[in-house]
Amino acid sequence: MTLHMTMNPTQLTSLNDVRLLLPALYSEASQKVYAAALNKVTRLTGKPLKHIPADEHAWMLLARTIVWAGEFGGATPGDQKRAFDIWVKKIAAAIRRAQDHLATPVVATTDNAAWARLIAYAKEV
């Protein structure tokens, strides 16, 4: 009897995995914004990103426990609360986008197909 173990090497386990995928998910400017948001996660939770699951539901539960008073700019407490809520949603969106990115199948092409595509592009240009 043979035991086959299947493991998906492209699986998100932590927010650190999301951080590592930022270059594949966002433009350079957006990467900086999302990286700063993820750094704030570490600062506000006191946990490294590799200890926080890359699961939207788990993130929302963790976000409820964060003491955010004074950490987000705004003229009023309501403005600060809105800034916190936007930040929480930004992290959740990054998790979703990373999951969607990894769920997208990779299409393998042959050398001939790649050359044909390159020739077609050269003709267009």
PDB file of N, CA and C in Angstrom:
ATOM      1  N   MET A   1       0.842  -1.175   0.000  1.00  0.00           N
ATOM      2  CA  MET A   1       0.000   0.000   0.000  1.00  0.00           C
ATOM      3  C   MET A   1       0.890   1.242   0.000  1.00  0.00           C
ATOM      4  N   THR A   2       0.580   2.147  -0.889  1.00  0.00           N
ATOM      5  CA  THR A   2       1.361   3.367  -1.024  1.00  0.00           C
ATOM      6  C   THR A   2       0.544   4.540  -0.518  1.00  0.00           C
ATOM      7  N   LEU A   3       1.172   5.322   0.286  1.00  0.00           N
ATOM      8  CA  LEU A   3       0.513   6.499   0.828  1.00  0.00           C
ATOM      9  C   LEU A   3       0.926   7.706  -0.007  1.00  0.00           C
ATOM     10  N   HIS A   4      -0.031   8.350  -0.609  1.00  0.00           N
ATOM     11  CA  HIS A   4       0.245   9.547  -1.408  1.00  0.00           C
ATOM     12  C   HIS A   4      -0.195  10.762  -0.615  1.00  0.00           C
ATOM     13  N   MET A   5       0.735  11.654  -0.411  1.00  0.00           N
ATOM     14  CA  MET A   5       0.398  12.893   0.283  1.00  0.00           C
ATOM     15  C   MET A   5       0.362  13.997  -0.750  1.00  0.00           C
ATOM     16  N   THR A   6      -0.714  14.705  -0.774  1.00  0.00           N
ATOM     17  CA  THR A   6      -0.803  15.840  -1.688  1.00  0.00           C
ATOM     18  C   THR A   6      -0.718  17.107  -0.871  1.00  0.00           C
ATOM     19  N   MET A   7       0.167  17.945  -1.293  1.00  0.00           N
ATOM     20  CA  MET A   7       0.350  19.217  -0.611  1.00  0.00           C
ATOM     21  C   MET A   7       0.429  20.301  -1.661  1.00  0.00           C
ATOM     22  N   ASN A   8      -0.312  21.339  -1.464  1.00  0.00           N
ATOM     23  CA  ASN A   8      -0.299  22.448  -2.399  1.00  0.00           C
ATOM     24  C   ASN A   8       0.804  23.418  -1.977  1.00  0.00           C
ATOM     25  N   PRO A   9       1.912  23.488  -2.711  1.00  0.00           N
ATOM     26  CA  PRO A   9       3.003  24.365  -2.309  1.00  0.00           C
ATOM     27  C   PRO A   9       2.656  25.839  -2.456  1.00  0.00           C
ATOM     28  N   THR A  10       1.633  26.143  -3.203  1.00  0.00           N
ATOM     29  CA  THR A  10       1.236  27.539  -3.376  1.00  0.00           C
ATOM     30  C   THR A  10      -0.009  27.815  -2.555  1.00  0.00           C
ATOM     31  N   GLN A  11       0.109  27.590  -1.280  1.00  0.00           N
ATOM     32  CA  GLN A  11      -1.019  27.780  -0.378  1.00  0.00           C
ATOM     33  C   GLN A  11      -0.678  28.893   0.605  1.00  0.00           C
ATOM     34  N   LEU A  12      -1.635  29.742   0.850  1.00  0.00           N
ATOM     35  CA  LEU A  12      -1.426  30.813   1.817  1.00  0.00           C
ATOM     36  C   LEU A  12      -1.599  30.260   3.226  1.00  0.00           C
ATOM     37  N   THR A  13      -0.615  30.485   4.055  1.00  0.00           N
ATOM     38  CA  THR A  13      -0.741  30.066   5.438  1.00  0.00           C
ATOM     39  C   THR A  13      -0.736  31.251   6.395  1.00  0.00           C
ATOM     40  N   SER A  14      -0.043  32.312   6.012  1.00  0.00           N
ATOM     41  CA  SER A  14       0.052  33.452   6.915  1.00  0.00           C
ATOM     42  C   SER A  14       0.027  34.761   6.130  1.00  0.00           C
ATOM     43  N   LEU A  15      -0.088  35.844   6.867  1.00  0.00           N
ATOM     44  CA  LEU A  15      -0.045  37.157   6.222  1.00  0.00           C
ATOM     45  C   LEU A  15       1.337  37.437   5.630  1.00  0.00           C
ATOM     46  N   ASN A  16       2.341  36.725   6.108  1.00  0.00           N
ATOM     47  CA  ASN A  16       3.659  36.868   5.502  1.00  0.00           C
ATOM     48  C   ASN A  16       3.628  36.372   4.058  1.00  0.00           C
ATOM     49  N   ASP A  17       2.872  35.309   3.785  1.00  0.00           N
ATOM     50  CA  ASP A  17       2.724  34.822   2.410  1.00  0.00           C
ATOM     51  C   ASP A  17       2.049  35.874   1.539  1.00  0.00           C
ATOM     52  N   VAL A  18       1.071  36.555   2.109  1.00  0.00           N
ATOM     53  CA  VAL A  18       0.393  37.637   1.376  1.00  0.00           C
ATOM     54  C   VAL A  18       1.397  38.741   1.077  1.00  0.00           C
ATOM     55  N   ARG A  19       2.216  39.095   2.062  1.00  0.00           N
ATOM     56  CA  ARG A  19       3.226  40.145   1.868  1.00  0.00           C
ATOM     57  C   ARG A  19       4.196  39.765   0.753  1.00  0.00           C
ATOM     58  N   LEU A  20       4.581  38.502   0.713  1.00  0.00           N
ATOM     59  CA  LEU A  20       5.512  38.053  -0.318  1.00  0.00           C
ATOM     60  C   LEU A  20       4.891  38.078  -1.716  1.00  0.00           C
ATOM     61  N   LEU A  21       3.572  37.993  -1.798  1.00  0.00           N
ATOM     62  CA  LEU A  21       2.882  38.010  -3.087  1.00  0.00           C
ATOM     63  C   LEU A  21       2.552  39.423  -3.580  1.00  0.00           C
ATOM     64  N   LEU A  22       2.776  40.427  -2.774  1.00  0.00           N
ATOM     65  CA  LEU A  22       2.410  41.794  -3.158  1.00  0.00           C
ATOM     66  C   LEU A  22       2.929  42.209  -4.531  1.00  0.00           C
ATOM     67  N   PRO A  23       4.178  41.899  -4.905  1.00  0.00           N
ATOM     68  CA  PRO A  23       4.649  42.307  -6.238  1.00  0.00           C
ATOM     69  C   PRO A  23       3.853  41.679  -7.377  1.00  0.00           C
ATOM     70  N   ALA A  24       3.298  40.512  -7.160  1.00  0.00           N
ATOM     71  CA  ALA A  24       2.507  39.859  -8.204  1.00  0.00           C
ATOM     72  C   ALA A  24       1.068  40.358  -8.224  1.00  0.00           C
ATOM     73  N   LEU A  25       0.654  41.019  -7.157  1.00  0.00           N
ATOM     74  CA  LEU A  25      -0.748  41.413  -7.033  1.00  0.00           C
ATOM     75  C   LEU A  25      -1.011  42.881  -7.343  1.00  0.00           C
ATOM     76  N   TYR A  26      -0.050  43.741  -7.046  1.00  0.00           N
ATOM     77  CA  TYR A  26      -0.307  45.173  -7.105  1.00  0.00           C
ATOM     78  C   TYR A  26       0.808  45.915  -7.844  1.00  0.00           C
ATOM     79  N   SER A  27       0.478  47.135  -8.252  1.00  0.00           N
ATOM     80  CA  SER A  27       1.489  48.016  -8.856  1.00  0.00           C
ATOM     81  C   SER A  27       2.498  48.414  -7.783  1.00  0.00           C
ATOM     82  N   GLU A  28       3.582  49.013  -8.210  1.00  0.00           N
ATOM     83  CA  GLU A  28       4.636  49.388  -7.268  1.00  0.00           C
ATOM     84  C   GLU A  28       4.121  50.351  -6.195  1.00  0.00           C
ATOM     85  N   ALA A  29       3.311  51.323  -6.596  1.00  0.00           N
ATOM     86  CA  ALA A  29       2.778  52.289  -5.631  1.00  0.00           C
ATOM     87  C   ALA A  29       1.834  51.603  -4.648  1.00  0.00           C
ATOM     88  N   SER A  30       0.978  50.731  -5.162  1.00  0.00           N
ATOM     89  CA  SER A  30       0.040  50.020  -4.288  1.00  0.00           C
ATOM     90  C   SER A  30       0.762  49.055  -3.360  1.00  0.00           C
ATOM     91  N   GLN A  31       1.848  48.470  -3.848  1.00  0.00           N
ATOM     92  CA  GLN A  31       2.636  47.564  -3.011  1.00  0.00           C
ATOM     93  C   GLN A  31       3.095  48.282  -1.742  1.00  0.00           C
ATOM     94  N   LYS A  32       3.534  49.514  -1.895  1.00  0.00           N
ATOM     95  CA  LYS A  32       4.021  50.274  -0.746  1.00  0.00           C
ATOM     96  C   LYS A  32       2.901  50.523   0.258  1.00  0.00           C
ATOM     97  N   VAL A  33       1.718  50.819  -0.250  1.00  0.00           N
ATOM     98  CA  VAL A  33       0.570  51.069   0.623  1.00  0.00           C
ATOM     99  C   VAL A  33       0.201  49.800   1.388  1.00  0.00           C
ATOM    100  N   TYR A  34       0.130  48.679   0.673  1.00  0.00           N
ATOM    101  CA  TYR A  34      -0.246  47.417   1.314  1.00  0.00           C
ATOM    102  C   TYR A  34       0.851  46.924   2.251  1.00  0.00           C
ATOM    103  N   ALA A  35       2.111  47.134   1.893  1.00  0.00           N
ATOM    104  CA  ALA A  35       3.211  46.749   2.781  1.00  0.00           C
ATOM    105  C   ALA A  35       3.142  47.549   4.082  1.00  0.00           C
ATOM    106  N   ALA A  36       2.846  48.834   3.971  1.00  0.00           N
ATOM    107  CA  ALA A  36       2.712  49.671   5.171  1.00  0.00           C
ATOM    108  C   ALA A  36       1.540  49.193   6.024  1.00  0.00           C
ATOM    109  N   ALA A  37       0.433  48.822   5.378  1.00  0.00           N
ATOM    110  CA  ALA A  37      -0.727  48.316   6.114  1.00  0.00           C
ATOM    111  C   ALA A  37      -0.383  47.017   6.833  1.00  0.00           C
ATOM    112  N   LEU A  38       0.367  46.146   6.173  1.00  0.00           N
ATOM    113  CA  LEU A  38       0.769  44.887   6.807  1.00  0.00           C
ATOM    114  C   LEU A  38       1.767  45.122   7.940  1.00  0.00           C
ATOM    115  N   ASN A  39       2.639  46.095   7.788  1.00  0.00           N
ATOM    116  CA  ASN A  39       3.558  46.428   8.884  1.00  0.00           C
ATOM    117  C   ASN A  39       2.791  46.921  10.106  1.00  0.00           C
ATOM    118  N   LYS A  40       1.711  47.627   9.850  1.00  0.00           N
ATOM    119  CA  LYS A  40       0.889  48.117  10.954  1.00  0.00           C
ATOM    120  C   LYS A  40       0.222  46.946  11.676  1.00  0.00           C
ATOM    121  N   VAL A  41      -0.077  45.871  10.952  1.00  0.00           N
ATOM    122  CA  VAL A  41      -0.645  44.672  11.588  1.00  0.00           C
ATOM    123  C   VAL A  41       0.324  44.158  12.643  1.00  0.00           C
ATOM    124  N   THR A  42       1.591  44.067  12.269  1.00  0.00           N
ATOM    125  CA  THR A  42       2.608  43.582  13.210  1.00  0.00           C
ATOM    126  C   THR A  42       2.693  44.489  14.430  1.00  0.00           C
ATOM    127  N   ARG A  43       2.688  45.773  14.187  1.00  0.00           N
ATOM    128  CA  ARG A  43       2.816  46.722  15.284  1.00  0.00           C
ATOM    129  C   ARG A  43       1.607  46.677  16.226  1.00  0.00           C
ATOM    130  N   LEU A  44       0.404  46.588  15.667  1.00  0.00           N
ATOM    131  CA  LEU A  44      -0.791  46.652  16.502  1.00  0.00           C
ATOM    132  C   LEU A  44      -1.141  45.329  17.179  1.00  0.00           C
ATOM    133  N   THR A  45      -0.760  44.230  16.582  1.00  0.00           N
ATOM    134  CA  THR A  45      -1.065  42.928  17.192  1.00  0.00           C
ATOM    135  C   THR A  45       0.066  42.421  18.075  1.00  0.00           C
ATOM    136  N   GLY A  46       1.283  42.904  17.819  1.00  0.00           N
ATOM    137  CA  GLY A  46       2.426  42.409  18.562  1.00  0.00           C
ATOM    138  C   GLY A  46       2.883  41.040  18.087  1.00  0.00           C
ATOM    139  N   LYS A  47       2.347  40.605  16.951  1.00  0.00           N
ATOM    140  CA  LYS A  47       2.704  39.303  16.392  1.00  0.00           C
ATOM    141  C   LYS A  47       3.366  39.489  15.037  1.00  0.00           C
ATOM    142  N   PRO A  48       4.348  38.644  14.714  1.00  0.00           N
ATOM    143  CA  PRO A  48       4.906  38.702  13.367  1.00  0.00           C
ATOM    144  C   PRO A  48       3.868  38.202  12.357  1.00  0.00           C
ATOM    145  N   LEU A  49       3.990  38.643  11.111  1.00  0.00           N
ATOM    146  CA  LEU A  49       3.021  38.273  10.080  1.00  0.00           C
ATOM    147  C   LEU A  49       2.935  36.765   9.883  1.00  0.00           C
ATOM    148  N   LYS A  50       4.034  36.051  10.105  1.00  0.00           N
ATOM    149  CA  LYS A  50       4.013  34.609   9.898  1.00  0.00           C
ATOM    150  C   LYS A  50       3.188  33.882  10.957  1.00  0.00           C
ATOM    151  N   HIS A  51       2.774  34.579  12.012  1.00  0.00           N
ATOM    152  CA  HIS A  51       1.933  33.975  13.050  1.00  0.00           C
ATOM    153  C   HIS A  51       0.460  34.338  12.911  1.00  0.00           C
ATOM    154  N   ILE A  52       0.132  35.099  11.888  1.00  0.00           N
ATOM    155  CA  ILE A  52      -1.263  35.511  11.671  1.00  0.00           C
ATOM    156  C   ILE A  52      -1.770  34.796  10.420  1.00  0.00           C
ATOM    157  N   PRO A  53      -2.823  33.998  10.547  1.00  0.00           N
ATOM    158  CA  PRO A  53      -3.310  33.232   9.397  1.00  0.00           C
ATOM    159  C   PRO A  53      -3.790  34.120   8.259  1.00  0.00           C
ATOM    160  N   ALA A  54      -3.577  33.655   7.045  1.00  0.00           N
ATOM    161  CA  ALA A  54      -4.053  34.361   5.850  1.00  0.00           C
ATOM    162  C   ALA A  54      -5.453  33.882   5.539  1.00  0.00           C
ATOM    163  N   ASP A  55      -6.340  34.143   6.457  1.00  0.00           N
ATOM    164  CA  ASP A  55      -7.737  33.754   6.351  1.00  0.00           C
ATOM    165  C   ASP A  55      -8.568  34.979   6.692  1.00  0.00           C
ATOM    166  N   GLU A  56      -9.465  35.329   5.810  1.00  0.00           N
ATOM    167  CA  GLU A  56     -10.224  36.564   5.994  1.00  0.00           C
ATOM    168  C   GLU A  56     -11.048  36.545   7.273  1.00  0.00           C
ATOM    169  N   HIS A  57     -11.691  35.419   7.555  1.00  0.00           N
ATOM    170  CA  HIS A  57     -12.514  35.317   8.766  1.00  0.00           C
ATOM    171  C   HIS A  57     -11.642  35.445  10.020  1.00  0.00           C
ATOM    172  N   ALA A  58     -10.507  34.759  10.034  1.00  0.00           N
ATOM    173  CA  ALA A  58      -9.600  34.851  11.183  1.00  0.00           C
ATOM    174  C   ALA A  58      -9.089  36.283  11.342  1.00  0.00           C
ATOM    175  N   TRP A  59      -8.825  36.948  10.215  1.00  0.00           N
ATOM    176  CA  TRP A  59      -8.361  38.336  10.273  1.00  0.00           C
ATOM    177  C   TRP A  59      -9.421  39.236  10.893  1.00  0.00           C
ATOM    178  N   MET A  60     -10.671  39.055  10.477  1.00  0.00           N
ATOM    179  CA  MET A  60     -11.743  39.904  11.018  1.00  0.00           C
ATOM    180  C   MET A  60     -11.913  39.675  12.526  1.00  0.00           C
ATOM    181  N   LEU A  61     -11.772  38.439  12.957  1.00  0.00           N
ATOM    182  CA  LEU A  61     -11.860  38.148  14.396  1.00  0.00           C
ATOM    183  C   LEU A  61     -10.696  38.788  15.148  1.00  0.00           C
ATOM    184  N   LEU A  62      -9.503  38.713  14.583  1.00  0.00           N
ATOM    185  CA  LEU A  62      -8.338  39.324  15.218  1.00  0.00           C
ATOM    186  C   LEU A  62      -8.474  40.842  15.248  1.00  0.00           C
ATOM    187  N   ALA A  63      -9.005  41.414  14.178  1.00  0.00           N
ATOM    188  CA  ALA A  63      -9.150  42.869  14.099  1.00  0.00           C
ATOM    189  C   ALA A  63     -10.055  43.405  15.203  1.00  0.00           C
ATOM    190  N   ARG A  64     -11.017  42.592  15.625  1.00  0.00           N
ATOM    191  CA  ARG A  64     -11.920  43.018  16.715  1.00  0.00           C
ATOM    192  C   ARG A  64     -11.185  43.181  18.035  1.00  0.00           C
ATOM    193  N   THR A  65     -10.050  42.514  18.189  1.00  0.00           N
ATOM    194  CA  THR A  65      -9.317  42.566  19.453  1.00  0.00           C
ATOM    195  C   THR A  65      -8.253  43.654  19.475  1.00  0.00           C
ATOM    196  N   ILE A  66      -8.042  44.313  18.353  1.00  0.00           N
ATOM    197  CA  ILE A  66      -6.973  45.319  18.262  1.00  0.00           C
ATOM    198  C   ILE A  66      -7.395  46.613  18.944  1.00  0.00           C
ATOM    199  N   VAL A  67      -6.513  47.117  19.774  1.00  0.00           N
ATOM    200  CA  VAL A  67      -6.716  48.422  20.391  1.00  0.00           C
ATOM    201  C   VAL A  67      -6.090  49.440  19.444  1.00  0.00           C
ATOM    202  N   TRP A  68      -6.938  50.177  18.755  1.00  0.00           N
ATOM    203  CA  TRP A  68      -6.467  51.048  17.683  1.00  0.00           C
ATOM    204  C   TRP A  68      -6.512  52.530  18.049  1.00  0.00           C
ATOM    205  N   ALA A  69      -6.986  52.866  19.224  1.00  0.00           N
ATOM    206  CA  ALA A  69      -7.126  54.267  19.623  1.00  0.00           C
ATOM    207  C   ALA A  69      -5.789  54.998  19.495  1.00  0.00           C
ATOM    208  N   GLY A  70      -5.809  56.092  18.785  1.00  0.00           N
ATOM    209  CA  GLY A  70      -4.624  56.918  18.599  1.00  0.00           C
ATOM    210  C   GLY A  70      -3.686  56.435  17.505  1.00  0.00           C
ATOM    211  N   GLU A  71      -3.982  55.306  16.895  1.00  0.00           N
ATOM    212  CA  GLU A  71      -3.102  54.751  15.857  1.00  0.00           C
ATOM    213  C   GLU A  71      -3.472  55.210  14.456  1.00  0.00           C
ATOM    214  N   PHE A  72      -4.675  55.737  14.286  1.00  0.00           N
ATOM    215  CA  PHE A  72      -5.145  56.141  12.964  1.00  0.00           C
ATOM    216  C   PHE A  72      -5.517  57.605  13.012  1.00  0.00           C
ATOM    217  N   GLY A  73      -5.087  58.333  11.978  1.00  0.00           N
ATOM    218  CA  GLY A  73      -5.330  59.765  11.925  1.00  0.00           C
ATOM    219  C   GLY A  73      -6.789  60.101  11.666  1.00  0.00           C
ATOM    220  N   GLY A  74      -7.170  61.236  12.129  1.00  0.00           N
ATOM    221  CA  GLY A  74      -8.521  61.743  11.919  1.00  0.00           C
ATOM    222  C   GLY A  74      -8.812  62.843  12.911  1.00  0.00           C
ATOM    223  N   ALA A  75      -9.659  63.775  12.491  1.00  0.00           N
ATOM    224  CA  ALA A  75      -9.970  64.915  13.348  1.00  0.00           C
ATOM    225  C   ALA A  75     -10.885  64.512  14.503  1.00  0.00           C
ATOM    226  N   THR A  76     -11.721  63.542  14.279  1.00  0.00           N
ATOM    227  CA  THR A  76     -12.672  63.114  15.307  1.00  0.00           C
ATOM    228  C   THR A  76     -12.515  61.616  15.552  1.00  0.00           C
ATOM    229  N   PRO A  77     -13.040  61.131  16.668  1.00  0.00           N
ATOM    230  CA  PRO A  77     -13.008  59.688  16.901  1.00  0.00           C
ATOM    231  C   PRO A  77     -13.724  58.902  15.794  1.00  0.00           C
ATOM    232  N   GLY A  78     -14.756  59.496  15.223  1.00  0.00           N
ATOM    233  CA  GLY A  78     -15.467  58.843  14.119  1.00  0.00           C
ATOM    234  C   GLY A  78     -14.581  58.705  12.886  1.00  0.00           C
ATOM    235  N   ASP A  79     -13.792  59.735  12.611  1.00  0.00           N
ATOM    236  CA  ASP A  79     -12.850  59.684  11.484  1.00  0.00           C
ATOM    237  C   ASP A  79     -11.783  58.615  11.720  1.00  0.00           C
ATOM    238  N   GLN A  80     -11.305  58.522  12.947  1.00  0.00           N
ATOM    239  CA  GLN A  80     -10.306  57.515  13.286  1.00  0.00           C
ATOM    240  C   GLN A  80     -10.885  56.104  13.154  1.00  0.00           C
ATOM    241  N   LYS A  81     -12.129  55.938  13.570  1.00  0.00           N
ATOM    242  CA  LYS A  81     -12.793  54.633  13.450  1.00  0.00           C
ATOM    243  C   LYS A  81     -12.952  54.257  11.977  1.00  0.00           C
ATOM    244  N   ARG A  82     -13.329  55.219  11.142  1.00  0.00           N
ATOM    245  CA  ARG A  82     -13.454  54.951   9.700  1.00  0.00           C
ATOM    246  C   ARG A  82     -12.104  54.568   9.101  1.00  0.00           C
ATOM    247  N   ALA A  83     -11.038  55.245   9.510  1.00  0.00           N
ATOM    248  CA  ALA A  83      -9.698  54.925   9.011  1.00  0.00           C
ATOM    249  C   ALA A  83      -9.306  53.505   9.435  1.00  0.00           C
ATOM    250  N   PHE A  84      -9.626  53.133  10.661  1.00  0.00           N
ATOM    251  CA  PHE A  84      -9.360  51.771  11.130  1.00  0.00           C
ATOM    252  C   PHE A  84     -10.147  50.761  10.310  1.00  0.00           C
ATOM    253  N   ASP A  85     -11.428  51.024  10.082  1.00  0.00           N
ATOM    254  CA  ASP A  85     -12.267  50.108   9.304  1.00  0.00           C
ATOM    255  C   ASP A  85     -11.739  49.939   7.875  1.00  0.00           C
ATOM    256  N   ILE A  86     -11.288  51.029   7.274  1.00  0.00           N
ATOM    257  CA  ILE A  86     -10.716  50.966   5.919  1.00  0.00           C
ATOM    258  C   ILE A  86      -9.453  50.113   5.938  1.00  0.00           C
ATOM    259  N   TRP A  87      -8.633  50.281   6.950  1.00  0.00           N
ATOM    260  CA  TRP A  87      -7.404  49.493   7.081  1.00  0.00           C
ATOM    261  C   TRP A  87      -7.716  48.000   7.214  1.00  0.00           C
ATOM    262  N   VAL A  88      -8.695  47.669   8.050  1.00  0.00           N
ATOM    263  CA  VAL A  88      -9.092  46.265   8.230  1.00  0.00           C
ATOM    264  C   VAL A  88      -9.568  45.681   6.901  1.00  0.00           C
ATOM    265  N   LYS A  89     -10.376  46.442   6.172  1.00  0.00           N
ATOM    266  CA  LYS A  89     -10.880  45.971   4.874  1.00  0.00           C
ATOM    267  C   LYS A  89      -9.762  45.850   3.845  1.00  0.00           C
ATOM    268  N   LYS A  90      -8.762  46.719   3.936  1.00  0.00           N
ATOM    269  CA  LYS A  90      -7.630  46.666   3.009  1.00  0.00           C
ATOM    270  C   LYS A  90      -6.854  45.355   3.204  1.00  0.00           C
ATOM    271  N   ILE A  91      -6.635  44.960   4.435  1.00  0.00           N
ATOM    272  CA  ILE A  91      -5.937  43.698   4.712  1.00  0.00           C
ATOM    273  C   ILE A  91      -6.786  42.523   4.232  1.00  0.00           C
ATOM    274  N   ALA A  92      -8.086  42.564   4.489  1.00  0.00           N
ATOM    275  CA  ALA A  92      -8.987  41.503   4.036  1.00  0.00           C
ATOM    276  C   ALA A  92      -8.977  41.404   2.507  1.00  0.00           C
ATOM    277  N   ALA A  93      -8.971  42.541   1.836  1.00  0.00           N
ATOM    278  CA  ALA A  93      -8.939  42.551   0.366  1.00  0.00           C
ATOM    279  C   ALA A  93      -7.634  41.959  -0.153  1.00  0.00           C
ATOM    280  N   ALA A  94      -6.526  42.249   0.513  1.00  0.00           N
ATOM    281  CA  ALA A  94      -5.240  41.690   0.100  1.00  0.00           C
ATOM    282  C   ALA A  94      -5.238  40.168   0.267  1.00  0.00           C
ATOM    283  N   ILE A  95      -5.848  39.680   1.333  1.00  0.00           N
ATOM    284  CA  ILE A  95      -5.950  38.230   1.547  1.00  0.00           C
ATOM    285  C   ILE A  95      -6.768  37.604   0.423  1.00  0.00           C
ATOM    286  N   ARG A  96      -7.929  38.200   0.124  1.00  0.00           N
ATOM    287  CA  ARG A  96      -8.789  37.671  -0.949  1.00  0.00           C
ATOM    288  C   ARG A  96      -8.061  37.682  -2.289  1.00  0.00           C
ATOM    289  N   ARG A  97      -7.385  38.775  -2.580  1.00  0.00           N
ATOM    290  CA  ARG A  97      -6.703  38.889  -3.870  1.00  0.00           C
ATOM    291  C   ARG A  97      -5.575  37.861  -3.990  1.00  0.00           C
ATOM    292  N   ALA A  98      -4.855  37.649  -2.902  1.00  0.00           N
ATOM    293  CA  ALA A  98      -3.789  36.643  -2.918  1.00  0.00           C
ATOM    294  C   ALA A  98      -4.377  35.241  -3.102  1.00  0.00           C
ATOM    295  N   GLN A  99      -5.484  34.963  -2.432  1.00  0.00           N
ATOM    296  CA  GLN A  99      -6.130  33.658  -2.596  1.00  0.00           C
ATOM    297  C   GLN A  99      -6.615  33.467  -4.027  1.00  0.00           C
ATOM    298  N   ASP A 100      -7.217  34.496  -4.591  1.00  0.00           N
ATOM    299  CA  ASP A 100      -7.684  34.421  -5.981  1.00  0.00           C
ATOM    300  C   ASP A 100      -6.512  34.230  -6.944  1.00  0.00           C
ATOM    301  N   HIS A 101      -5.422  34.912  -6.661  1.00  0.00           N
ATOM    302  CA  HIS A 101      -4.242  34.809  -7.514  1.00  0.00           C
ATOM    303  C   HIS A 101      -3.710  33.369  -7.523  1.00  0.00           C
ATOM    304  N   LEU A 102      -3.660  32.758  -6.358  1.00  0.00           N
ATOM    305  CA  LEU A 102      -3.140  31.391  -6.273  1.00  0.00           C
ATOM    306  C   LEU A 102      -4.129  30.371  -6.824  1.00  0.00           C
ATOM    307  N   ALA A 103      -5.409  30.711  -6.824  1.00  0.00           N
ATOM    308  CA  ALA A 103      -6.422  29.785  -7.336  1.00  0.00           C
ATOM    309  C   ALA A 103      -6.488  29.795  -8.863  1.00  0.00           C
ATOM    310  N   THR A 104      -5.939  30.825  -9.487  1.00  0.00           N
ATOM    311  CA  THR A 104      -5.945  30.924 -10.938  1.00  0.00           C
ATOM    312  C   THR A 104      -5.002  29.878 -11.515  1.00  0.00           C
ATOM    313  N   PRO A 105      -5.496  29.043 -12.412  1.00  0.00           N
ATOM    314  CA  PRO A 105      -4.614  28.004 -12.959  1.00  0.00           C
ATOM    315  C   PRO A 105      -3.510  28.596 -13.831  1.00  0.00           C
ATOM    316  N   VAL A 106      -2.368  27.963 -13.769  1.00  0.00           N
ATOM    317  CA  VAL A 106      -1.229  28.375 -14.581  1.00  0.00           C
ATOM    318  C   VAL A 106      -1.288  27.595 -15.886  1.00  0.00           C
ATOM    319  N   VAL A 107      -1.258  28.312 -16.992  1.00  0.00           N
ATOM    320  CA  VAL A 107      -1.338  27.678 -18.302  1.00  0.00           C
ATOM    321  C   VAL A 107       0.079  27.459 -18.814  1.00  0.00           C
ATOM    322  N   ALA A 108       0.414  26.205 -18.991  1.00  0.00           N
ATOM    323  CA  ALA A 108       1.738  25.868 -19.514  1.00  0.00           C
ATOM    324  C   ALA A 108       1.679  25.881 -21.038  1.00  0.00           C
ATOM    325  N   THR A 109       2.658  26.490 -21.639  1.00  0.00           N
ATOM    326  CA  THR A 109       2.712  26.535 -23.095  1.00  0.00           C
ATOM    327  C   THR A 109       3.964  25.819 -23.578  1.00  0.00           C
ATOM    328  N   THR A 110       3.909  25.399 -24.792  1.00  0.00           N
ATOM    329  CA  THR A 110       5.077  24.753 -25.395  1.00  0.00           C
ATOM    330  C   THR A 110       6.001  25.823 -25.946  1.00  0.00           C
ATOM    331  N   ASP A 111       7.201  25.418 -26.286  1.00  0.00           N
ATOM    332  CA  ASP A 111       8.157  26.355 -26.884  1.00  0.00           C
ATOM    333  C   ASP A 111       7.626  26.909 -28.196  1.00  0.00           C
ATOM    334  N   ASN A 112       7.009  26.036 -28.997  1.00  0.00           N
ATOM    335  CA  ASN A 112       6.479  26.482 -30.291  1.00  0.00           C
ATOM    336  C   ASN A 112       5.378  27.513 -30.108  1.00  0.00           C
ATOM    337  N   ALA A 113       4.515  27.294 -29.124  1.00  0.00           N
ATOM    338  CA  ALA A 113       3.439  28.256 -28.877  1.00  0.00           C
ATOM    339  C   ALA A 113       4.005  29.584 -28.403  1.00  0.00           C
ATOM    340  N   ALA A 114       5.045  29.528 -27.589  1.00  0.00           N
ATOM    341  CA  ALA A 114       5.665  30.762 -27.102  1.00  0.00           C
ATOM    342  C   ALA A 114       6.305  31.538 -28.253  1.00  0.00           C
ATOM    343  N   TRP A 115       7.003  30.833 -29.145  1.00  0.00           N
ATOM    344  CA  TRP A 115       7.608  31.498 -30.288  1.00  0.00           C
ATOM    345  C   TRP A 115       6.537  32.068 -31.220  1.00  0.00           C
ATOM    346  N   ALA A 116       5.470  31.329 -31.425  1.00  0.00           N
ATOM    347  CA  ALA A 116       4.377  31.816 -32.282  1.00  0.00           C
ATOM    348  C   ALA A 116       3.773  33.090 -31.692  1.00  0.00           C
ATOM    349  N   ARG A 117       3.629  33.109 -30.393  1.00  0.00           N
ATOM    350  CA  ARG A 117       3.077  34.291 -29.733  1.00  0.00           C
ATOM    351  C   ARG A 117       4.025  35.479 -29.871  1.00  0.00           C
ATOM    352  N   LEU A 118       5.316  35.224 -29.711  1.00  0.00           N
ATOM    353  CA  LEU A 118       6.315  36.270 -29.853  1.00  0.00           C
ATOM    354  C   LEU A 118       6.351  36.823 -31.271  1.00  0.00           C
ATOM    355  N   ILE A 119       6.260  35.950 -32.263  1.00  0.00           N
ATOM    356  CA  ILE A 119       6.250  36.380 -33.678  1.00  0.00           C
ATOM    357  C   ILE A 119       5.000  37.210 -33.971  1.00  0.00           C
ATOM    358  N   ALA A 120       3.854  36.759 -33.449  1.00  0.00           N
ATOM    359  CA  ALA A 120       2.602  37.495 -33.663  1.00  0.00           C
ATOM    360  C   ALA A 120       2.696  38.881 -33.039  1.00  0.00           C
ATOM    361  N   TYR A 121       3.299  38.974 -31.856  1.00  0.00           N
ATOM    362  CA  TYR A 121       3.466  40.261 -31.210  1.00  0.00           C
ATOM    363  C   TYR A 121       4.384  41.164 -32.030  1.00  0.00           C
ATOM    364  N   ALA A 122       5.490  40.606 -32.536  1.00  0.00           N
ATOM    365  CA  ALA A 122       6.428  41.385 -33.329  1.00  0.00           C
ATOM    366  C   ALA A 122       5.767  41.920 -34.597  1.00  0.00           C
ATOM    367  N   LYS A 123       4.900  41.121 -35.214  1.00  0.00           N
ATOM    368  CA  LYS A 123       4.191  41.565 -36.404  1.00  0.00           C
ATOM    369  C   LYS A 123       3.237  42.712 -36.099  1.00  0.00           C
ATOM    370  N   GLU A 124       2.595  42.642 -34.937  1.00  0.00           N
ATOM    371  CA  GLU A 124       1.668  43.706 -34.545  1.00  0.00           C
ATOM    372  C   GLU A 124       2.399  45.015 -34.289  1.00  0.00           C
ATOM    373  N   VAL A 125       3.564  44.930 -33.714  1.00  0.00           N
ATOM    374  CA  VAL A 125       4.320  46.124 -33.360  1.00  0.00           C
ATOM    375  C   VAL A 125       5.042  46.627 -34.584  1.00  0.00           C
TER     376      VAL A 125
END
